[in-house]
């Protein structure tokens, strides 16, 4: 289970980094004209709410799936 928790933490960290980068792209000003095209910034603005929502919903389903896999694996060993 330790590896599962470590993997979930890595997924959460990766998603947090993705949210942070998307938020930067969506809200950056000034030098963005030559670095971040408007369509990319618009896409980031559109994606940001969904990414933030997903960020809060990742752990529980992954943990539940991991527990179920562990339960099935343990019950198969007992047979």
PDB file of N, CA and C in Angstrom:
ATOM      1  N   UNK A   1       0.814  -1.203   0.000  1.00  0.00           N
ATOM      2  CA  UNK A   1       0.000   0.000   0.000  1.00  0.00           C
ATOM      3  C   UNK A   1       0.857   1.265   0.000  1.00  0.00           C
ATOM      4  N   UNK A   2       2.083   1.164   0.496  1.00  0.00           N
ATOM      5  CA  UNK A   2       2.959   2.340   0.524  1.00  0.00           C
ATOM      6  C   UNK A   2       3.244   2.836  -0.888  1.00  0.00           C
ATOM      7  N   UNK A   3       3.454   1.891  -1.814  1.00  0.00           N
ATOM      8  CA  UNK A   3       3.715   2.301  -3.201  1.00  0.00           C
ATOM      9  C   UNK A   3       2.477   2.936  -3.823  1.00  0.00           C
ATOM     10  N   UNK A   4       1.312   2.425  -3.458  1.00  0.00           N
ATOM     11  CA  UNK A   4       0.066   3.007  -3.963  1.00  0.00           C
ATOM     12  C   UNK A   4      -0.076   4.442  -3.486  1.00  0.00           C
ATOM     13  N   UNK A   5       0.154   4.663  -2.203  1.00  0.00           N
ATOM     14  CA  UNK A   5       0.058   6.019  -1.665  1.00  0.00           C
ATOM     15  C   UNK A   5       1.083   6.936  -2.311  1.00  0.00           C
ATOM     16  N   UNK A   6       2.287   6.434  -2.542  1.00  0.00           N
ATOM     17  CA  UNK A   6       3.321   7.233  -3.205  1.00  0.00           C
ATOM     18  C   UNK A   6       2.894   7.583  -4.625  1.00  0.00           C
ATOM     19  N   UNK A   7       2.285   6.627  -5.323  1.00  0.00           N
ATOM     20  CA  UNK A   7       1.819   6.880  -6.691  1.00  0.00           C
ATOM     21  C   UNK A   7       0.692   7.908  -6.705  1.00  0.00           C
ATOM     22  N   UNK A   8      -0.226   7.806  -5.762  1.00  0.00           N
ATOM     23  CA  UNK A   8      -1.324   8.772  -5.680  1.00  0.00           C
ATOM     24  C   UNK A   8      -0.775  10.165  -5.397  1.00  0.00           C
ATOM     25  N   UNK A   9       0.199  10.254  -4.515  1.00  0.00           N
ATOM     26  CA  UNK A   9       0.826  11.545  -4.215  1.00  0.00           C
ATOM     27  C   UNK A   9       1.499  12.114  -5.459  1.00  0.00           C
ATOM     28  N   UNK A  10       2.159  11.260  -6.235  1.00  0.00           N
ATOM     29  CA  UNK A  10       2.791  11.731  -7.469  1.00  0.00           C
ATOM     30  C   UNK A  10       1.750  12.243  -8.462  1.00  0.00           C
ATOM     31  N   UNK A  11       0.635  11.548  -8.570  1.00  0.00           N
ATOM     32  CA  UNK A  11      -0.443  11.993  -9.460  1.00  0.00           C
ATOM     33  C   UNK A  11      -0.993  13.337  -8.988  1.00  0.00           C
ATOM     34  N   UNK A  12      -1.210  13.464  -7.687  1.00  0.00           N
ATOM     35  CA  UNK A  12      -1.708  14.728  -7.147  1.00  0.00           C
ATOM     36  C   UNK A  12      -0.715  15.863  -7.387  1.00  0.00           C
ATOM     37  N   UNK A  13       0.578  15.584  -7.210  1.00  0.00           N
ATOM     38  CA  UNK A  13       1.601  16.605  -7.447  1.00  0.00           C
ATOM     39  C   UNK A  13       1.656  17.005  -8.914  1.00  0.00           C
ATOM     40  N   UNK A  14       1.555  16.022  -9.801  1.00  0.00           N
ATOM     41  CA  UNK A  14       1.571  16.318 -11.237  1.00  0.00           C
ATOM     42  C   UNK A  14       0.355  17.155 -11.621  1.00  0.00           C
ATOM     43  N   UNK A  15      -0.795  16.818 -11.081  1.00  0.00           N
ATOM     44  CA  UNK A  15      -2.008  17.580 -11.377  1.00  0.00           C
ATOM     45  C   UNK A  15      -1.910  18.998 -10.809  1.00  0.00           C
ATOM     46  N   UNK A  16      -1.335  19.134  -9.617  1.00  0.00           N
ATOM     47  CA  UNK A  16      -1.146  20.469  -9.032  1.00  0.00           C
ATOM     48  C   UNK A  16      -0.219  21.315  -9.904  1.00  0.00           C
ATOM     49  N   UNK A  17       0.840  20.707 -10.425  1.00  0.00           N
ATOM     50  CA  UNK A  17       1.752  21.425 -11.318  1.00  0.00           C
ATOM     51  C   UNK A  17       1.044  21.814 -12.611  1.00  0.00           C
ATOM     52  N   UNK A  18       0.205  20.930 -13.107  1.00  0.00           N
ATOM     53  CA  UNK A  18      -0.556  21.215 -14.328  1.00  0.00           C
ATOM     54  C   UNK A  18      -1.521  22.378 -14.102  1.00  0.00           C
ATOM     55  N   UNK A  19      -2.184  22.392 -12.958  1.00  0.00           N
ATOM     56  CA  UNK A  19      -3.095  23.489 -12.621  1.00  0.00           C
ATOM     57  C   UNK A  19      -2.308  24.796 -12.513  1.00  0.00           C
ATOM     58  N   UNK A  20      -1.158  24.737 -11.859  1.00  0.00           N
ATOM     59  CA  UNK A  20      -0.337  25.938 -11.689  1.00  0.00           C
ATOM     60  C   UNK A  20       0.119  26.498 -13.039  1.00  0.00           C
ATOM     61  N   UNK A  21       0.587  25.632 -13.923  1.00  0.00           N
ATOM     62  CA  UNK A  21       1.028  26.077 -15.242  1.00  0.00           C
ATOM     63  C   UNK A  21      -0.144  26.614 -16.062  1.00  0.00           C
ATOM     64  N   UNK A  22      -1.268  25.917 -16.017  1.00  0.00           N
ATOM     65  CA  UNK A  22      -2.450  26.363 -16.761  1.00  0.00           C
ATOM     66  C   UNK A  22      -2.932  27.712 -16.237  1.00  0.00           C
ATOM     67  N   UNK A  23      -2.885  27.882 -14.922  1.00  0.00           N
ATOM     68  CA  UNK A  23      -3.291  29.156 -14.326  1.00  0.00           C
ATOM     69  C   UNK A  23      -2.353  30.281 -14.764  1.00  0.00           C
ATOM     70  N   UNK A  24      -1.060  29.992 -14.813  1.00  0.00           N
ATOM     71  CA  UNK A  24      -0.088  30.983 -15.282  1.00  0.00           C
ATOM     72  C   UNK A  24      -0.385  31.377 -16.725  1.00  0.00           C
ATOM     73  N   UNK A  25      -0.596  30.384 -17.568  1.00  0.00           N
ATOM     74  CA  UNK A  25      -0.873  30.659 -18.984  1.00  0.00           C
ATOM     75  C   UNK A  25      -2.170  31.458 -19.132  1.00  0.00           C
ATOM     76  N   UNK A  26      -3.171  31.105 -18.334  1.00  0.00           N
ATOM     77  CA  UNK A  26      -4.480  31.755 -18.444  1.00  0.00           C
ATOM     78  C   UNK A  26      -4.465  33.199 -17.962  1.00  0.00           C
ATOM     79  N   UNK A  27      -3.596  33.529 -17.023  1.00  0.00           N
ATOM     80  CA  UNK A  27      -3.666  34.847 -16.382  1.00  0.00           C
ATOM     81  C   UNK A  27      -2.470  35.738 -16.658  1.00  0.00           C
ATOM     82  N   UNK A  28      -1.477  35.258 -17.382  1.00  0.00           N
ATOM     83  CA  UNK A  28      -0.276  36.062 -17.605  1.00  0.00           C
ATOM     84  C   UNK A  28      -0.581  37.284 -18.464  1.00  0.00           C
ATOM     85  N   UNK A  29       0.115  38.356 -18.195  1.00  0.00           N
ATOM     86  CA  UNK A  29      -0.063  39.610 -18.944  1.00  0.00           C
ATOM     87  C   UNK A  29       1.303  40.181 -19.307  1.00  0.00           C
ATOM     88  N   UNK A  30       1.305  41.247 -20.031  1.00  0.00           N
ATOM     89  CA  UNK A  30       2.555  41.919 -20.366  1.00  0.00           C
ATOM     90  C   UNK A  30       3.230  41.285 -21.554  1.00  0.00           C
ATOM     91  N   UNK A  31       4.187  40.439 -21.293  1.00  0.00           N
ATOM     92  CA  UNK A  31       4.994  39.844 -22.356  1.00  0.00           C
ATOM     93  C   UNK A  31       4.298  38.700 -23.053  1.00  0.00           C
ATOM     94  N   UNK A  32       3.068  38.395 -22.690  1.00  0.00           N
ATOM     95  CA  UNK A  32       2.364  37.251 -23.273  1.00  0.00           C
ATOM     96  C   UNK A  32       2.140  37.382 -24.777  1.00  0.00           C
ATOM     97  N   UNK A  33       2.119  38.621 -25.285  1.00  0.00           N
ATOM     98  CA  UNK A  33       1.841  38.803 -26.708  1.00  0.00           C
ATOM     99  C   UNK A  33       2.848  38.088 -27.594  1.00  0.00           C
ATOM    100  N   UNK A  34       4.086  38.021 -27.162  1.00  0.00           N
ATOM    101  CA  UNK A  34       5.080  37.355 -27.996  1.00  0.00           C
ATOM    102  C   UNK A  34       5.353  35.931 -27.544  1.00  0.00           C
ATOM    103  N   UNK A  35       4.821  35.546 -26.399  1.00  0.00           N
ATOM    104  CA  UNK A  35       5.119  34.214 -25.882  1.00  0.00           C
ATOM    105  C   UNK A  35       3.912  33.273 -25.901  1.00  0.00           C
ATOM    106  N   UNK A  36       2.762  33.767 -25.497  1.00  0.00           N
ATOM    107  CA  UNK A  36       1.579  32.914 -25.391  1.00  0.00           C
ATOM    108  C   UNK A  36       0.499  33.457 -26.327  1.00  0.00           C
ATOM    109  N   UNK A  37       0.221  32.751 -27.412  1.00  0.00           N
ATOM    110  CA  UNK A  37      -0.820  33.212 -28.344  1.00  0.00           C
ATOM    111  C   UNK A  37      -2.196  33.243 -27.668  1.00  0.00           C
ATOM    112  N   UNK A  38      -3.031  34.153 -28.124  1.00  0.00           N
ATOM    113  CA  UNK A  38      -4.376  34.298 -27.550  1.00  0.00           C
ATOM    114  C   UNK A  38      -5.179  32.999 -27.549  1.00  0.00           C
ATOM    115  N   UNK A  39      -5.166  32.204 -28.632  1.00  0.00           N
ATOM    116  CA  UNK A  39      -5.941  30.952 -28.591  1.00  0.00           C
ATOM    117  C   UNK A  39      -5.463  29.993 -27.492  1.00  0.00           C
ATOM    118  N   UNK A  40      -4.166  29.988 -27.228  1.00  0.00           N
ATOM    119  CA  UNK A  40      -3.630  29.126 -26.168  1.00  0.00           C
ATOM    120  C   UNK A  40      -4.079  29.647 -24.808  1.00  0.00           C
ATOM    121  N   UNK A  41      -4.032  30.960 -24.631  1.00  0.00           N
ATOM    122  CA  UNK A  41      -4.470  31.543 -23.368  1.00  0.00           C
ATOM    123  C   UNK A  41      -5.974  31.317 -23.164  1.00  0.00           C
ATOM    124  N   UNK A  42      -6.744  31.449 -24.220  1.00  0.00           N
ATOM    125  CA  UNK A  42      -8.186  31.196 -24.122  1.00  0.00           C
ATOM    126  C   UNK A  42      -8.475  29.741 -23.754  1.00  0.00           C
ATOM    127  N   UNK A  43      -7.720  28.827 -24.345  1.00  0.00           N
ATOM    128  CA  UNK A  43      -7.884  27.410 -24.018  1.00  0.00           C
ATOM    129  C   UNK A  43      -7.546  27.154 -22.554  1.00  0.00           C
ATOM    130  N   UNK A  44      -6.468  27.757 -22.072  1.00  0.00           N
ATOM    131  CA  UNK A  44      -6.084  27.597 -20.666  1.00  0.00           C
ATOM    132  C   UNK A  44      -7.178  28.131 -19.747  1.00  0.00           C
ATOM    133  N   UNK A  45      -7.748  29.272 -20.100  1.00  0.00           N
ATOM    134  CA  UNK A  45      -8.842  29.836 -19.293  1.00  0.00           C
ATOM    135  C   UNK A  45     -10.046  28.899 -19.270  1.00  0.00           C
ATOM    136  N   UNK A  46     -10.321  28.262 -20.398  1.00  0.00           N
ATOM    137  CA  UNK A  46     -11.463  27.347 -20.480  1.00  0.00           C
ATOM    138  C   UNK A  46     -11.216  26.056 -19.699  1.00  0.00           C
ATOM    139  N   UNK A  47      -9.977  25.578 -19.706  1.00  0.00           N
ATOM    140  CA  UNK A  47      -9.649  24.314 -19.041  1.00  0.00           C
ATOM    141  C   UNK A  47      -9.475  24.446 -17.534  1.00  0.00           C
ATOM    142  N   UNK A  48      -9.089  25.611 -17.072  1.00  0.00           N
ATOM    143  CA  UNK A  48      -8.715  25.788 -15.670  1.00  0.00           C
ATOM    144  C   UNK A  48      -9.794  25.353 -14.673  1.00  0.00           C
ATOM    145  N   UNK A  49     -11.051  25.737 -14.827  1.00  0.00           N
ATOM    146  CA  UNK A  49     -12.057  25.292 -13.848  1.00  0.00           C
ATOM    147  C   UNK A  49     -12.183  23.767 -13.767  1.00  0.00           C
ATOM    148  N   UNK A  50     -12.131  23.100 -14.904  1.00  0.00           N
ATOM    149  CA  UNK A  50     -12.237  21.632 -14.904  1.00  0.00           C
ATOM    150  C   UNK A  50     -11.032  20.991 -14.238  1.00  0.00           C
ATOM    151  N   UNK A  51      -9.851  21.535 -14.494  1.00  0.00           N
ATOM    152  CA  UNK A  51      -8.645  20.990 -13.869  1.00  0.00           C
ATOM    153  C   UNK A  51      -8.686  21.160 -12.359  1.00  0.00           C
ATOM    154  N   UNK A  52      -9.136  22.328 -11.909  1.00  0.00           N
ATOM    155  CA  UNK A  52      -9.225  22.563 -10.466  1.00  0.00           C
ATOM    156  C   UNK A  52     -10.244  21.618  -9.823  1.00  0.00           C
ATOM    157  N   UNK A  53     -11.342  21.383 -10.513  1.00  0.00           N
ATOM    158  CA  UNK A  53     -12.362  20.456 -10.002  1.00  0.00           C
ATOM    159  C   UNK A  53     -11.795  19.041  -9.927  1.00  0.00           C
ATOM    160  N   UNK A  54     -11.112  18.631 -10.976  1.00  0.00           N
ATOM    161  CA  UNK A  54     -10.505  17.303 -11.013  1.00  0.00           C
ATOM    162  C   UNK A  54      -9.481  17.136  -9.900  1.00  0.00           C
ATOM    163  N   UNK A  55      -8.750  18.208  -9.621  1.00  0.00           N
ATOM    164  CA  UNK A  55      -7.708  18.158  -8.601  1.00  0.00           C
ATOM    165  C   UNK A  55      -8.268  17.698  -7.252  1.00  0.00           C
ATOM    166  N   UNK A  56      -9.471  18.102  -6.934  1.00  0.00           N
ATOM    167  CA  UNK A  56     -10.065  17.721  -5.665  1.00  0.00           C
ATOM    168  C   UNK A  56     -10.754  16.367  -5.676  1.00  0.00           C
ATOM    169  N   UNK A  57     -10.788  15.708  -6.833  1.00  0.00           N
ATOM    170  CA  UNK A  57     -11.545  14.462  -6.947  1.00  0.00           C
ATOM    171  C   UNK A  57     -10.688  13.246  -7.273  1.00  0.00           C
ATOM    172  N   UNK A  58      -9.397  13.370  -7.244  1.00  0.00           N
ATOM    173  CA  UNK A  58      -8.525  12.295  -7.715  1.00  0.00           C
ATOM    174  C   UNK A  58      -8.280  11.223  -6.660  1.00  0.00           C
ATOM    175  N   UNK A  59      -7.964  11.632  -5.452  1.00  0.00           N
ATOM    176  CA  UNK A  59      -7.486  10.688  -4.438  1.00  0.00           C
ATOM    177  C   UNK A  59      -8.489   9.573  -4.128  1.00  0.00           C
ATOM    178  N   UNK A  60      -9.718   9.920  -3.842  1.00  0.00           N
ATOM    179  CA  UNK A  60     -10.691   8.929  -3.356  1.00  0.00           C
ATOM    180  C   UNK A  60     -10.935   7.800  -4.358  1.00  0.00           C
ATOM    181  N   UNK A  61     -11.202   8.067  -5.633  1.00  0.00           N
ATOM    182  CA  UNK A  61     -11.410   6.955  -6.571  1.00  0.00           C
ATOM    183  C   UNK A  61     -10.160   6.100  -6.771  1.00  0.00           C
ATOM    184  N   UNK A  62      -8.997   6.737  -6.806  1.00  0.00           N
ATOM    185  CA  UNK A  62      -7.762   5.959  -6.957  1.00  0.00           C
ATOM    186  C   UNK A  62      -7.530   5.067  -5.741  1.00  0.00           C
ATOM    187  N   UNK A  63      -7.778   5.595  -4.561  1.00  0.00           N
ATOM    188  CA  UNK A  63      -7.600   4.816  -3.340  1.00  0.00           C
ATOM    189  C   UNK A  63      -8.594   3.661  -3.297  1.00  0.00           C
ATOM    190  N   UNK A  64      -9.829   3.923  -3.696  1.00  0.00           N
ATOM    191  CA  UNK A  64     -10.855   2.874  -3.719  1.00  0.00           C
ATOM    192  C   UNK A  64     -10.471   1.764  -4.697  1.00  0.00           C
ATOM    193  N   UNK A  65     -10.009   2.143  -5.888  1.00  0.00           N
ATOM    194  CA  UNK A  65      -9.594   1.155  -6.887  1.00  0.00           C
ATOM    195  C   UNK A  65      -8.407   0.348  -6.386  1.00  0.00           C
ATOM    196  N   UNK A  66      -7.463   1.014  -5.766  1.00  0.00           N
ATOM    197  CA  UNK A  66      -6.299   0.322  -5.222  1.00  0.00           C
ATOM    198  C   UNK A  66      -6.705  -0.672  -4.136  1.00  0.00           C
ATOM    199  N   UNK A  67      -7.595  -0.259  -3.267  1.00  0.00           N
ATOM    200  CA  UNK A  67      -8.067  -1.150  -2.203  1.00  0.00           C
ATOM    201  C   UNK A  67      -8.769  -2.375  -2.783  1.00  0.00           C
ATOM    202  N   UNK A  68      -9.562  -2.165  -3.825  1.00  0.00           N
ATOM    203  CA  UNK A  68     -10.275  -3.281  -4.458  1.00  0.00           C
ATOM    204  C   UNK A  68      -9.294  -4.243  -5.125  1.00  0.00           C
ATOM    205  N   UNK A  69      -8.310  -3.708  -5.817  1.00  0.00           N
ATOM    206  CA  UNK A  69      -7.286  -4.559  -6.445  1.00  0.00           C
ATOM    207  C   UNK A  69      -6.540  -5.347  -5.379  1.00  0.00           C
ATOM    208  N   UNK A  70      -6.202  -4.682  -4.296  1.00  0.00           N
ATOM    209  CA  UNK A  70      -5.505  -5.355  -3.192  1.00  0.00           C
ATOM    210  C   UNK A  70      -6.387  -6.457  -2.594  1.00  0.00           C
ATOM    211  N   UNK A  71      -7.676  -6.172  -2.434  1.00  0.00           N
ATOM    212  CA  UNK A  71      -8.605  -7.158  -1.866  1.00  0.00           C
ATOM    213  C   UNK A  71      -8.710  -8.376  -2.778  1.00  0.00           C
ATOM    214  N   UNK A  72      -8.849  -8.151  -4.077  1.00  0.00           N
ATOM    215  CA  UNK A  72      -8.957  -9.258  -5.033  1.00  0.00           C
ATOM    216  C   UNK A  72      -7.666 -10.066  -5.042  1.00  0.00           C
ATOM    217  N   UNK A  73      -6.536  -9.370  -5.041  1.00  0.00           N
ATOM    218  CA  UNK A  73      -5.246 -10.069  -5.022  1.00  0.00           C
ATOM    219  C   UNK A  73      -5.061 -10.901  -3.770  1.00  0.00           C
ATOM    220  N   UNK A  74      -5.488 -10.380  -2.642  1.00  0.00           N
ATOM    221  CA  UNK A  74      -5.369 -11.101  -1.378  1.00  0.00           C
ATOM    222  C   UNK A  74      -6.302 -12.304  -1.348  1.00  0.00           C
ATOM    223  N   UNK A  75      -7.521 -12.151  -1.863  1.00  0.00           N
ATOM    224  CA  UNK A  75      -8.469 -13.270  -1.854  1.00  0.00           C
ATOM    225  C   UNK A  75      -8.027 -14.361  -2.830  1.00  0.00           C
ATOM    226  N   UNK A  76      -7.370 -13.994  -3.929  1.00  0.00           N
ATOM    227  CA  UNK A  76      -6.863 -14.999  -4.871  1.00  0.00           C
ATOM    228  C   UNK A  76      -5.707 -15.787  -4.274  1.00  0.00           C
ATOM    229  N   UNK A  77      -4.901 -15.163  -3.442  1.00  0.00           N
ATOM    230  CA  UNK A  77      -3.785 -15.855  -2.791  1.00  0.00           C
ATOM    231  C   UNK A  77      -4.292 -16.884  -1.789  1.00  0.00           C
ATOM    232  N   UNK A  78      -5.437 -16.591  -1.185  1.00  0.00           N
ATOM    233  CA  UNK A  78      -5.993 -17.487  -0.175  1.00  0.00           C
ATOM    234  C   UNK A  78      -6.568 -18.756  -0.796  1.00  0.00           C
ATOM    235  N   UNK A  79      -6.861 -18.739  -2.083  1.00  0.00           N
ATOM    236  CA  UNK A  79      -7.481 -19.900  -2.743  1.00  0.00           C
ATOM    237  C   UNK A  79      -6.475 -20.944  -3.115  1.00  0.00           C
TER     238      UNK A  79
END
